[in-house]
Amino acid sequence: MSTALFYLSNAVMVYALAVALGACLWRRTDIQYVFLNLFRQRRRSGMTLLAIVLGGVAVFLFGGFVDYSFWALREQTIRTNVGHIQLYEKGYLESGAAVGTMTHSISNYDEIARILRTDPVIGPHIKTVTGRIEFSGIISRYESGVSTFFTGVGVEPETSLEIGALDRVVSGSDLSRIQPQGVTIGSGVAAALKAQYDDYTDLLVVTPGGGQNAMSVQVRGVFSSGIKEYDDTNIKLPLKTVQRLLQTSNVSRIIILLDDTDYTDAAMRRIDEIIKARNLSLEARSWSDLAVYYHQVVNLFEGIFFFIKALVSVIVVFMIGNTLMMSVIERTREIATLRALGLTKRHVGRLFMLEGIVIGLLGALISVVLGIGLAELININGVPMPPSPGYTQGYLAFVRWTGDYRLFWFACALPLVTAVIASIMPARRAANLVIAEAFRFV
C-alpha cells in the first residue's frame, strides 16, 4: 500500500511540475494571470499558504525528530552489548539454552577472530571483534549481609569501550586488563548490596559441568545504562576471569562491531561466505534480527507519523480547495468573459489547476527552507525529553534532517500533491460553467 502511494504521489508531482514548466515556457500569460489572481485576494491566499507552510514545517520537524529517535535507538541498541553482527555455534538460538549453561558454545574464538580481522573484504570495516560469555549466579557482600541474584557478562576490557560504551560509569572506573579480579556492577546491584568502589563481593555460580565455584572480586566501578531492569541485575567481569570462574575456555557468542551500520547487510553476506568456505559450525545474526524492541518502537512511531501526515494532508486539501472554490464563485462573470473570448473549457480548468500548483510549489519551497532553519535552531541545544518507558534517564532530542531524502520528498510532496487533489473540483466547476448562466450570476 505504501509503495503504491509513493509511486502515485510521484506521478502527481511529475504532472504538477510538467504543467508548471509548460506554462512557464509556452504560456507565460497564464502564469501572470495566476499570480494576479492570487494577489487579488491576498488575505485568503496568505492564510491558505500559511496553513500549508505550518503543516509542512510541522511534518518536516516531527519527521526529523522521529528519524533522530530511530537513529539514536538503533545506535544505542547496537552499542549496548548487541553489536552489528553476532556469531553463535549452530543450534544455540534454537536450543533456548539458559544463561550460563554454555550449551552450543564456541570453542575456537581466537581463530575465528583472526579470520575475520584478516579478511580482505570485511576486515577493513571491522572496528571490534570480541567474545562474550553470559552467566548468572548469586553475588553477596559480607559486610552488609546481603545477597542478590545477578546476570553477568564476561567481556574483553579493551573492547568494552566500544560495545557497551553507553553504560555510563557513575563511580569508580571501567574494567582493566591489569586487574583481572575487578568487577563493574549495575547501579541497582550496588544499591542492593550497599557496595561502592573498592569494596569486595563474592560470586557463586554453577559451572557448565554442573559443579559450583566461587570467587571474590573487587568493585572497580558502578555503571548505569538508564534501563532499570538491566541495572538492577547486571555485572561485568573480564572475559578471562569469567572463563576461569566457569572453568571453560569457550565463549557464548562473538560480537562484531562495524564502522558503518549501513554496511551490515554486505558484511552478513561475506560472513556467510566465510562460514561456508571454511565449513565452520557457526550461524550469524544481524542486529536487526535480534533487536525486537527496536522494531516494535519503529512500528509504533511510524503509525503515529502516518496518522499525523494524513491529518495534515486532509487539512491542506480543504484549505486549498476552499480557497479555489471561493475564487471560482467570485470570478464567475470573469470566467464567462474568458470563455466568450474563446478560451476552451480545458484552458480554463488548467488555469485553476495551475493556481493550486503554484500555491503548492510556494508552500513546498517555504516549508523546506523554514523547516531547515528551525531544525538548525533546535539542534543548537536540543530538546530535553523525559525518560522513555523502562528507562531512568532523560535525553536530548534533535531534528535529524541531513541525508534523509524521504523527509525532503514528503515535505515537497505534501503541499504539491494535496494542491493538485484540491484543485480538481474547482477546476472542473470553472471549466463546466455555462456562459449564458455565468453572465447572469450576481
Protein backbone atom coordinates (compact mmCIF):
# COMPACT_ATOMS: atom_id res chain seq x y z
CA MET A 1 0.00 0.00 0.00
CA SER A 2 2.76 2.48 0.96
CA THR A 3 4.68 1.63 -2.23
CA ALA A 4 1.58 2.28 -4.34
CA LEU A 5 1.02 5.64 -2.63
CA PHE A 6 4.68 6.52 -3.19
CA TYR A 7 4.51 5.90 -6.94
CA LEU A 8 1.10 7.57 -7.22
CA SER A 9 2.41 10.65 -5.42
CA ASN A 10 5.45 10.73 -7.68
CA ALA A 11 3.17 10.61 -10.74
CA VAL A 12 1.08 13.51 -9.40
CA MET A 13 4.23 15.54 -8.65
CA VAL A 14 5.61 14.92 -12.14
CA TYR A 15 2.28 16.03 -13.63
CA ALA A 16 2.22 19.19 -11.50
CA LEU A 17 5.80 20.11 -12.37
CA ALA A 18 5.15 19.42 -16.06
CA VAL A 19 2.10 21.73 -16.03
CA ALA A 20 4.04 24.48 -14.24
CA LEU A 21 7.08 24.12 -16.51
CA GLY A 22 4.94 24.08 -19.64
CA ALA A 23 3.17 27.25 -18.55
CA CYS A 24 6.50 28.98 -17.84
CA LEU A 25 7.90 28.06 -21.26
CA TRP A 26 4.93 28.36 -23.59
CA ARG A 27 2.07 30.07 -21.72
CA ARG A 28 3.65 32.86 -19.73
CA THR A 29 0.41 34.81 -19.84
CA ASP A 30 -1.21 32.03 -17.81
CA ILE A 31 1.48 32.38 -15.12
CA GLN A 32 0.95 36.14 -14.95
CA TYR A 33 -2.81 35.63 -14.75
CA VAL A 34 -2.40 33.10 -11.91
CA PHE A 35 -0.22 35.42 -9.81
CA LEU A 36 -2.56 38.36 -10.39
CA ASN A 37 -5.49 36.27 -9.15
CA LEU A 38 -3.55 35.04 -6.12
CA PHE A 39 -2.55 38.58 -5.13
CA ARG A 40 -6.07 39.87 -5.77
CA GLN A 41 -7.23 38.11 -2.59
CA ARG A 42 -4.04 38.48 -0.59
CA ARG A 43 -5.56 37.68 2.78
CA ARG A 44 -7.22 34.48 1.63
CA SER A 45 -4.19 33.35 -0.38
CA GLY A 46 -1.91 34.25 2.53
CA MET A 47 -3.99 32.27 5.03
CA THR A 48 -4.01 29.27 2.69
CA LEU A 49 -0.26 29.49 2.18
CA LEU A 50 0.25 29.89 5.93
CA ALA A 51 -1.77 26.74 6.62
CA ILE A 52 0.27 24.81 4.04
CA VAL A 53 3.58 26.07 5.44
CA LEU A 54 2.63 25.36 9.05
CA GLY A 55 1.56 21.85 8.12
CA GLY A 56 4.67 21.27 6.02
CA VAL A 57 7.04 22.60 8.69
CA ALA A 58 5.31 20.59 11.42
CA VAL A 59 5.62 17.39 9.39
CA PHE A 60 9.25 18.21 8.50
CA LEU A 61 10.26 18.82 12.13
CA PHE A 62 8.33 15.86 13.50
CA GLY A 63 9.72 13.65 10.75
CA GLY A 64 13.25 14.79 11.62
CA PHE A 65 12.59 14.12 15.31
CA VAL A 66 11.28 10.63 14.53
CA ASP A 67 14.25 9.95 12.26
CA TYR A 68 16.66 11.02 15.01
CA SER A 69 14.79 8.86 17.53
CA PHE A 70 15.08 5.84 15.21
CA TRP A 71 18.78 6.52 14.62
CA ALA A 72 19.54 7.04 18.31
CA LEU A 73 17.61 3.93 19.35
CA ARG A 74 19.33 1.90 16.62
CA GLU A 75 22.81 3.00 17.64
CA GLN A 76 22.00 2.55 21.33
CA THR A 77 20.76 -0.97 20.62
CA ILE A 78 23.89 -1.81 18.64
CA ARG A 79 26.29 -0.41 21.23
CA THR A 80 24.53 -1.89 24.24
CA ASN A 81 26.12 -5.33 24.04
CA VAL A 82 24.46 -6.27 20.73
CA GLY A 83 26.89 -5.12 18.04
CA HIS A 84 26.15 -5.16 14.33
CA ILE A 85 26.55 -8.92 13.88
CA GLN A 86 26.65 -11.84 16.31
CA LEU A 87 28.05 -15.31 15.69
CA TYR A 88 26.74 -18.39 17.51
CA GLU A 89 27.51 -22.06 17.48
CA LYS A 90 24.95 -23.81 15.29
CA GLY A 91 21.86 -24.72 17.26
CA TYR A 92 22.44 -22.14 20.00
CA LEU A 93 19.41 -19.98 19.22
CA GLU A 94 17.08 -22.91 18.53
CA SER A 95 18.09 -24.73 21.71
CA GLY A 96 16.86 -21.97 24.01
CA ALA A 97 19.92 -22.55 26.18
CA ALA A 98 19.68 -20.98 29.61
CA VAL A 99 22.15 -18.29 30.62
CA GLY A 100 25.35 -19.79 31.96
CA THR A 101 24.88 -23.34 30.65
CA MET A 102 27.42 -22.80 27.83
CA THR A 103 25.43 -25.22 25.66
CA HIS A 104 26.48 -24.87 21.99
CA SER A 105 29.37 -22.58 22.95
CA ILE A 106 32.15 -21.55 20.56
CA SER A 107 35.47 -23.28 21.21
CA ASN A 108 37.71 -21.67 18.56
CA TYR A 109 37.08 -17.98 19.26
CA ASP A 110 40.67 -16.79 18.72
CA GLU A 111 40.89 -18.47 15.29
CA ILE A 112 37.54 -17.05 14.15
CA ALA A 113 38.50 -13.55 15.31
CA ARG A 114 41.77 -13.79 13.35
CA ILE A 115 39.95 -14.95 10.19
CA LEU A 116 37.52 -12.04 10.36
CA ARG A 117 40.14 -9.38 11.09
CA THR A 118 42.41 -10.50 8.25
CA ASP A 119 39.68 -10.95 5.64
CA PRO A 120 40.39 -8.52 2.77
CA VAL A 121 36.68 -7.75 2.21
CA ILE A 122 35.23 -7.08 5.66
CA GLY A 123 38.45 -6.74 7.67
CA PRO A 124 38.87 -3.01 6.91
CA HIS A 125 35.27 -2.37 8.02
CA ILE A 126 35.55 -4.14 11.38
CA LYS A 127 36.11 -1.94 14.43
CA THR A 128 35.85 -4.66 17.06
CA VAL A 129 35.59 -8.43 17.29
CA THR A 130 35.03 -9.68 20.81
CA GLY A 131 33.89 -12.80 22.61
CA ARG A 132 31.21 -12.77 25.27
CA ILE A 133 30.10 -15.16 27.98
CA GLU A 134 26.71 -14.81 29.64
CA PHE A 135 26.35 -16.37 33.06
CA SER A 136 24.31 -15.98 36.22
CA GLY A 137 24.60 -16.67 39.91
CA ILE A 138 24.49 -15.12 43.36
CA ILE A 139 26.51 -12.06 44.36
CA SER A 140 26.89 -11.20 48.04
CA ARG A 141 28.70 -8.75 50.28
CA TYR A 142 29.74 -9.97 53.69
CA GLU A 143 29.85 -6.53 55.33
CA SER A 144 26.22 -5.73 54.50
CA GLY A 145 24.97 -9.30 54.86
CA VAL A 146 23.04 -9.04 51.60
CA SER A 147 22.91 -11.42 48.65
CA THR A 148 21.12 -10.94 45.34
CA PHE A 149 20.72 -12.70 42.00
CA PHE A 150 22.75 -11.39 39.08
CA THR A 151 23.17 -11.93 35.37
CA GLY A 152 26.70 -11.27 34.27
CA VAL A 153 28.70 -10.93 31.11
CA GLY A 154 32.36 -11.65 30.53
CA VAL A 155 33.89 -9.01 28.26
CA GLU A 156 37.31 -8.11 26.98
CA PRO A 157 38.11 -4.84 28.83
CA GLU A 158 39.65 -3.13 25.79
CA THR A 159 36.56 -3.77 23.65
CA SER A 160 34.06 -2.73 26.32
CA LEU A 161 34.89 0.87 25.44
CA GLU A 162 33.28 0.24 22.02
CA ILE A 163 30.50 -2.25 22.78
CA GLY A 164 28.64 -1.33 25.92
CA ALA A 165 30.07 2.18 25.74
CA LEU A 166 26.62 3.64 26.51
CA ASP A 167 26.80 2.13 30.00
CA ARG A 168 27.81 5.26 31.89
CA VAL A 169 30.23 4.73 34.79
CA VAL A 170 28.77 6.75 37.66
CA SER A 171 31.51 5.96 40.19
CA GLY A 172 34.93 4.33 40.05
CA SER A 173 36.27 3.26 36.66
CA ASP A 174 35.74 0.68 33.93
CA LEU A 175 37.24 -2.79 33.71
CA SER A 176 41.01 -3.10 33.47
CA ARG A 177 43.28 -5.66 31.78
CA ILE A 178 45.83 -5.41 34.59
CA GLN A 179 43.30 -6.05 37.37
CA PRO A 180 41.55 -9.28 36.36
CA GLN A 181 39.71 -9.57 39.69
CA GLY A 182 37.90 -6.29 39.15
CA VAL A 183 34.15 -6.14 38.50
CA THR A 184 31.76 -3.37 37.47
CA ILE A 185 28.21 -3.64 38.75
CA GLY A 186 24.92 -2.02 37.81
CA SER A 187 23.63 0.83 39.93
CA GLY A 188 20.72 -1.30 41.14
CA VAL A 189 23.05 -4.12 42.21
CA ALA A 190 25.27 -1.60 44.03
CA ALA A 191 22.25 -0.19 45.85
CA ALA A 192 21.05 -3.66 46.87
CA LEU A 193 24.48 -4.70 48.20
CA LYS A 194 25.30 -1.23 49.58
CA ALA A 195 28.56 -1.60 47.69
CA GLN A 196 30.81 1.08 46.26
CA TYR A 197 34.23 1.47 44.68
CA ASP A 198 36.97 -0.74 46.18
CA ASP A 199 34.54 -2.99 48.11
CA TYR A 200 34.87 -6.77 47.86
CA THR A 201 31.99 -9.01 46.81
CA ASP A 202 31.67 -12.78 46.41
CA LEU A 203 30.30 -14.59 43.36
CA LEU A 204 28.74 -18.05 43.44
CA VAL A 205 27.99 -19.78 40.13
CA VAL A 206 27.18 -23.18 38.68
CA THR A 207 29.82 -24.31 36.16
CA PRO A 208 28.91 -25.86 32.77
CA GLY A 209 29.97 -29.23 34.23
CA GLY A 210 27.31 -28.99 36.95
CA GLY A 211 29.59 -28.12 39.87
CA GLN A 212 29.74 -24.96 41.93
CA ASN A 213 32.50 -22.40 42.03
CA ALA A 214 33.04 -19.17 43.94
CA MET A 215 35.30 -16.18 43.54
CA SER A 216 35.99 -12.99 45.45
CA VAL A 217 36.14 -9.87 43.26
CA GLN A 218 36.72 -6.19 43.88
CA VAL A 219 34.32 -3.49 42.72
CA ARG A 220 36.10 -1.23 40.24
CA GLY A 221 33.08 0.80 39.25
CA VAL A 222 29.32 1.24 39.19
CA PHE A 223 27.59 1.77 35.82
CA SER A 224 24.17 2.96 34.75
CA SER A 225 22.60 2.23 31.37
CA GLY A 226 19.37 4.10 32.07
CA ILE A 227 17.40 0.82 31.89
CA LYS A 228 16.28 -0.06 35.41
CA GLU A 229 15.78 -3.80 34.86
CA TYR A 230 19.27 -4.06 33.36
CA ASP A 231 20.99 -2.02 36.08
CA ASP A 232 19.23 -3.99 38.84
CA THR A 233 20.79 -7.33 37.86
CA ASN A 234 23.82 -6.92 35.60
CA ILE A 235 27.52 -7.09 36.34
CA LYS A 236 30.60 -7.20 34.09
CA LEU A 237 33.89 -9.06 34.50
CA PRO A 238 36.93 -9.58 32.28
CA LEU A 239 36.40 -12.48 29.86
CA LYS A 240 39.42 -14.45 31.12
CA THR A 241 38.20 -14.13 34.70
CA VAL A 242 34.77 -15.49 33.80
CA GLN A 243 36.33 -18.38 31.89
CA ARG A 244 38.37 -19.21 34.98
CA LEU A 245 35.28 -18.91 37.19
CA LEU A 246 33.21 -21.18 34.94
CA GLN A 247 36.16 -23.49 34.26
CA THR A 248 35.87 -23.24 30.47
CA SER A 249 37.84 -21.80 27.56
CA ASN A 250 34.78 -21.31 25.32
CA VAL A 251 32.67 -18.22 24.67
CA SER A 252 28.89 -17.94 24.32
CA ARG A 253 28.94 -15.71 21.25
CA ILE A 254 31.13 -13.46 19.16
CA ILE A 255 30.12 -9.84 18.63
CA ILE A 256 31.25 -7.83 15.60
CA LEU A 257 31.11 -4.03 15.55
CA LEU A 258 31.45 -2.39 12.13
CA ASP A 259 32.50 1.12 11.18
CA ASP A 260 29.15 1.78 9.46
CA THR A 261 25.72 0.36 10.23
CA ASP A 262 24.75 0.59 6.54
CA TYR A 263 27.46 -1.99 5.75
CA THR A 264 25.74 -4.66 7.88
CA ASP A 265 23.98 -6.48 5.03
CA ALA A 266 27.14 -6.68 2.92
CA ALA A 267 29.11 -7.90 5.94
CA MET A 268 26.48 -10.56 6.64
CA ARG A 269 26.77 -11.89 3.10
CA ARG A 270 30.56 -12.04 3.33
CA ILE A 271 30.47 -13.78 6.73
CA ASP A 272 28.05 -16.39 5.38
CA GLU A 273 30.51 -16.99 2.54
CA ILE A 274 33.39 -17.42 5.02
CA ILE A 275 31.36 -19.85 7.15
CA LYS A 276 30.53 -21.99 4.12
CA ALA A 277 34.02 -21.83 2.61
CA ARG A 278 35.75 -22.85 5.86
CA ASN A 279 32.99 -25.23 6.95
CA LEU A 280 32.63 -23.50 10.32
CA SER A 281 29.91 -24.66 12.70
CA LEU A 282 28.55 -21.15 13.12
CA GLU A 283 25.45 -19.11 12.35
CA ALA A 284 25.27 -15.33 12.02
CA ARG A 285 22.55 -12.91 13.06
CA SER A 286 22.41 -9.18 12.39
CA TRP A 287 21.40 -6.59 14.96
CA SER A 288 18.08 -6.19 13.12
CA ASP A 289 17.28 -9.88 13.67
CA LEU A 290 17.99 -9.58 17.40
CA ALA A 291 16.51 -6.14 18.17
CA VAL A 292 12.83 -6.98 18.63
CA TYR A 293 12.18 -3.96 20.87
CA TYR A 294 13.66 -1.61 18.25
CA HIS A 295 11.26 -2.81 15.55
CA GLN A 296 8.30 -2.53 17.94
CA VAL A 297 9.16 1.11 18.68
CA VAL A 298 9.71 1.87 14.98
CA ASN A 299 6.34 0.37 14.03
CA LEU A 300 4.62 2.38 16.75
CA PHE A 301 6.21 5.70 15.71
CA GLU A 302 5.61 5.05 12.02
CA GLY A 303 1.92 4.51 12.75
CA ILE A 304 1.75 7.78 14.70
CA PHE A 305 3.67 9.64 11.97
CA PHE A 306 1.37 8.26 9.26
CA PHE A 307 -1.69 9.48 11.19
CA ILE A 308 -0.19 12.97 11.57
CA LYS A 309 0.71 13.13 7.87
CA ALA A 310 -2.80 12.03 6.90
CA LEU A 311 -4.38 14.62 9.23
CA VAL A 312 -2.22 17.45 7.89
CA SER A 313 -2.91 16.36 4.30
CA VAL A 314 -6.68 16.49 4.84
CA ILE A 315 -6.44 19.98 6.38
CA VAL A 316 -4.30 21.26 3.49
CA VAL A 317 -6.66 19.76 0.88
CA PHE A 318 -9.66 21.52 2.43
CA MET A 319 -7.80 24.83 2.79
CA ILE A 320 -6.65 24.91 -0.85
CA GLY A 321 -9.97 23.55 -2.11
CA ASN A 322 -11.90 26.20 -0.17
CA THR A 323 -9.67 29.00 -1.49
CA LEU A 324 -10.00 27.91 -5.11
CA MET A 325 -13.74 27.24 -4.85
CA MET A 326 -14.34 30.71 -3.39
CA SER A 327 -12.21 32.11 -6.21
CA VAL A 328 -14.39 30.32 -8.79
CA ILE A 329 -17.58 31.71 -7.23
CA GLU A 330 -16.25 35.28 -7.03
CA ARG A 331 -14.89 35.19 -10.60
CA THR A 332 -17.87 33.54 -12.29
CA ARG A 333 -18.55 36.51 -14.59
CA GLU A 334 -14.82 36.80 -15.30
CA ILE A 335 -14.67 33.12 -16.27
CA ALA A 336 -17.69 33.62 -18.55
CA THR A 337 -15.90 36.54 -20.22
CA LEU A 338 -12.80 34.41 -20.81
CA ARG A 339 -14.95 31.64 -22.32
CA ALA A 340 -16.75 34.16 -24.52
CA LEU A 341 -13.40 35.45 -25.76
CA GLY A 342 -12.53 31.98 -26.98
CA LEU A 343 -10.81 30.14 -24.10
CA THR A 344 -11.65 26.46 -24.12
CA LYS A 345 -13.00 24.54 -21.14
CA ARG A 346 -9.68 22.75 -20.90
CA HIS A 347 -7.76 26.03 -20.80
CA VAL A 348 -9.98 27.48 -18.06
CA GLY A 349 -9.66 24.30 -15.99
CA ARG A 350 -5.89 24.37 -16.47
CA LEU A 351 -5.72 27.95 -15.15
CA PHE A 352 -7.33 26.96 -11.85
CA MET A 353 -5.26 23.80 -11.66
CA LEU A 354 -2.19 25.97 -12.19
CA GLU A 355 -3.26 28.23 -9.32
CA GLY A 356 -3.35 25.26 -6.99
CA ILE A 357 0.02 24.01 -8.26
CA VAL A 358 1.63 27.44 -7.75
CA ILE A 359 0.30 27.57 -4.18
CA GLY A 360 1.63 24.06 -3.61
CA LEU A 361 5.07 24.90 -5.05
CA LEU A 362 5.36 28.03 -2.93
CA GLY A 363 4.23 26.10 0.13
CA ALA A 364 6.75 23.31 -0.52
CA LEU A 365 9.64 25.74 -1.01
CA ILE A 366 8.85 27.82 2.07
CA SER A 367 8.17 24.70 4.17
CA VAL A 368 11.55 23.15 3.37
CA VAL A 369 13.54 26.38 3.87
CA LEU A 370 11.74 27.30 7.09
CA GLY A 371 11.90 23.69 8.32
CA ILE A 372 15.67 23.52 7.82
CA GLY A 373 16.12 26.87 9.58
CA LEU A 374 14.05 25.83 12.59
CA ALA A 375 15.74 22.42 12.69
CA GLU A 376 19.18 24.03 12.85
CA LEU A 377 17.93 26.39 15.56
CA ILE A 378 16.57 23.48 17.61
CA ASN A 379 19.77 21.49 17.12
CA ILE A 380 21.88 24.17 18.79
CA ASN A 381 20.83 22.98 22.25
CA GLY A 382 18.43 20.11 21.56
CA VAL A 383 15.10 19.48 23.26
CA PRO A 384 15.17 17.88 26.75
CA MET A 385 13.00 14.77 26.74
CA PRO A 386 11.71 12.75 29.70
CA PRO A 387 12.88 9.14 30.15
CA SER A 388 11.38 6.61 27.74
CA PRO A 389 9.27 3.76 29.21
CA GLY A 390 11.59 1.40 31.09
CA TYR A 391 14.41 3.96 31.28
CA THR A 392 15.56 6.08 34.21
CA GLN A 393 17.41 8.83 32.34
CA GLY A 394 16.10 11.51 30.03
CA TYR A 395 17.88 12.58 26.87
CA LEU A 396 18.33 15.45 24.43
CA ALA A 397 16.37 15.11 21.21
CA PHE A 398 17.44 16.67 17.92
CA VAL A 399 15.97 17.03 14.43
CA ARG A 400 17.91 14.80 12.03
CA TRP A 401 17.25 16.03 8.50
CA THR A 402 20.57 15.72 6.65
CA GLY A 403 20.86 12.72 4.37
CA ASP A 404 17.19 11.70 4.69
CA TYR A 405 15.76 12.05 1.19
CA ARG A 406 12.37 10.70 2.35
CA LEU A 407 11.91 13.68 4.66
CA PHE A 408 12.60 16.14 1.84
CA TRP A 409 10.43 14.14 -0.52
CA PHE A 410 7.44 14.25 1.81
CA ALA A 411 7.96 17.92 2.70
CA CYS A 412 7.67 18.66 -1.03
CA ALA A 413 5.04 16.04 -1.84
CA LEU A 414 2.61 17.08 0.92
CA PRO A 415 1.86 20.61 -0.40
CA LEU A 416 2.18 19.72 -4.08
CA VAL A 417 0.11 16.54 -4.17
CA THR A 418 -2.59 17.93 -1.91
CA ALA A 419 -2.70 21.09 -4.04
CA VAL A 420 -3.34 19.07 -7.19
CA ILE A 421 -6.02 16.98 -5.46
CA ALA A 422 -7.70 20.08 -4.02
CA SER A 423 -7.69 21.82 -7.42
CA ILE A 424 -9.62 19.11 -9.25
CA MET A 425 -13.16 20.08 -8.16
CA PRO A 426 -12.74 23.88 -8.52
CA ALA A 427 -11.10 23.42 -11.94
CA ARG A 428 -13.96 21.17 -13.12
CA ARG A 429 -16.56 23.61 -11.87
CA ALA A 430 -14.87 26.55 -13.57
CA ALA A 431 -14.47 24.66 -16.84
CA ASN A 432 -18.09 23.48 -16.91
CA LEU A 433 -19.73 26.86 -16.29
CA VAL A 434 -22.43 27.70 -18.85
CA ILE A 435 -21.53 31.05 -20.39
CA ALA A 436 -25.08 32.46 -20.53
CA GLU A 437 -25.87 31.50 -16.94
CA ALA A 438 -22.49 32.75 -15.74
CA PHE A 439 -23.17 36.25 -17.12
CA ARG A 440 -26.43 36.38 -15.13
CA PHE A 441 -24.56 35.46 -11.91
CA VAL A 442 -24.66 38.25 -9.33
